[in-house]
Amino acid sequence: MKTAPARDVFMKELSKIRDEMGFRLAGYVVMPEHVHLLISEPKQGTPSSVLQRLKLRVSRRLRKRRRSGSANQLRMLDAQLAKLLGLTKP
């Protein structure tokens, strides 16, 4: 996540999902191309469902921003998000 707004979206959604699903966030690193998360087993769902929900929410929020912001900058954010979420090959 190369821009501060994209990182902010990611961190806000991670915090919301942590509260909703009841897992502990032991550590994280947000880098331009990807993210590392160290989480406990959630009270609801599985670690996979945590990541699925996180990917979906961040993607939706960034797409919403694209509709109201600069198309070129947000296209770049979508590409970065796709890399971050493992939707494209490295």
Protein backbone atom coordinates (compact mmCIF):
# COMPACT_ATOMS: atom_id res chain seq x y z
CA MET A 1 0.00 0.00 0.00
CA LYS A 2 1.95 2.90 -1.31
CA THR A 3 -0.41 5.67 -0.26
CA ALA A 4 -1.46 6.76 3.20
CA PRO A 5 -5.19 6.75 2.34
CA ALA A 6 -5.03 3.12 1.16
CA ARG A 7 -3.17 2.10 4.33
CA ASP A 8 -5.75 3.95 6.43
CA VAL A 9 -8.60 2.07 4.75
CA PHE A 10 -6.84 -1.23 5.37
CA MET A 11 -6.12 -0.48 9.04
CA LYS A 12 -9.67 0.75 9.77
CA GLU A 13 -11.22 -2.34 8.23
CA LEU A 14 -8.77 -4.64 10.02
CA SER A 15 -9.74 -3.05 13.34
CA LYS A 16 -13.47 -3.42 12.66
CA ILE A 17 -13.12 -7.06 11.63
CA ARG A 18 -10.97 -7.81 14.67
CA ASP A 19 -13.74 -6.51 16.92
CA GLU A 20 -16.48 -8.35 15.00
CA MET A 21 -14.78 -11.73 14.73
CA GLY A 22 -13.00 -11.74 18.07
CA PHE A 23 -9.38 -12.47 17.23
CA ARG A 24 -6.19 -11.02 18.68
CA LEU A 25 -3.85 -9.15 16.42
CA ALA A 26 -0.38 -10.04 17.72
CA GLY A 27 1.48 -8.15 15.02
CA TYR A 28 1.33 -6.75 11.52
CA VAL A 29 3.49 -5.11 8.88
CA VAL A 30 2.00 -3.10 6.01
CA MET A 31 4.37 -2.80 3.06
CA PRO A 32 3.86 -1.27 -0.40
CA GLU A 33 3.25 -4.62 -2.08
CA HIS A 34 1.83 -6.83 0.68
CA VAL A 35 0.87 -7.24 4.34
CA HIS A 36 1.91 -9.69 7.05
CA LEU A 37 -0.60 -10.44 9.82
CA LEU A 38 -0.10 -12.51 12.95
CA ILE A 39 -3.54 -13.30 14.37
CA SER A 40 -5.05 -15.71 16.87
CA GLU A 41 -7.85 -18.12 16.06
CA PRO A 42 -11.03 -16.00 15.82
CA LYS A 43 -14.00 -16.63 18.11
CA GLN A 44 -16.21 -16.61 15.02
CA GLY A 45 -15.10 -18.29 11.80
CA THR A 46 -11.60 -19.29 10.76
CA PRO A 47 -8.43 -17.37 9.90
CA SER A 48 -9.39 -17.87 6.24
CA SER A 49 -12.78 -16.25 6.81
CA VAL A 50 -11.04 -13.31 8.52
CA LEU A 51 -8.88 -12.76 5.45
CA GLN A 52 -11.80 -13.23 3.08
CA ARG A 53 -13.86 -10.60 4.90
CA LEU A 54 -10.88 -8.23 5.10
CA LYS A 55 -10.15 -8.52 1.38
CA LEU A 56 -13.77 -7.94 0.46
CA ARG A 57 -14.21 -4.89 2.64
CA VAL A 58 -10.94 -3.22 1.68
CA SER A 59 -11.63 -3.86 -1.99
CA ARG A 60 -15.13 -2.36 -1.76
CA ARG A 61 -13.91 0.71 0.12
CA LEU A 62 -11.12 1.38 -2.34
CA ARG A 63 -13.47 0.94 -5.30
CA LYS A 64 -15.91 3.37 -3.71
CA ARG A 65 -13.11 5.89 -3.40
CA ARG A 66 -12.23 5.39 -7.05
CA ARG A 67 -15.68 6.52 -8.10
CA SER A 68 -15.21 9.80 -6.28
CA GLY A 69 -11.46 10.33 -6.73
CA SER A 70 -8.72 10.45 -9.32
CA ALA A 71 -9.13 7.47 -11.65
CA ASN A 72 -5.42 6.99 -12.37
CA GLN A 73 -4.35 7.08 -8.74
CA LEU A 74 -7.08 4.71 -7.67
CA ARG A 75 -6.39 2.27 -10.52
CA MET A 76 -2.88 2.04 -9.11
CA LEU A 77 -4.36 1.38 -5.65
CA ASP A 78 -6.54 -1.40 -7.05
CA ALA A 79 -3.50 -3.01 -8.65
CA GLN A 80 -1.60 -2.75 -5.37
CA LEU A 81 -4.55 -4.18 -3.47
CA ALA A 82 -4.78 -7.09 -5.92
CA LYS A 83 -1.09 -7.82 -5.31
CA LEU A 84 -1.56 -7.41 -1.56
CA LEU A 85 -4.45 -9.81 -1.51
CA GLY A 86 -2.72 -12.37 -3.71
CA LEU A 87 -5.11 -11.94 -6.63
CA THR A 88 -2.29 -11.51 -9.14
CA LYS A 89 0.93 -13.37 -9.75
CA PRO A 90 4.07 -11.72 -8.29
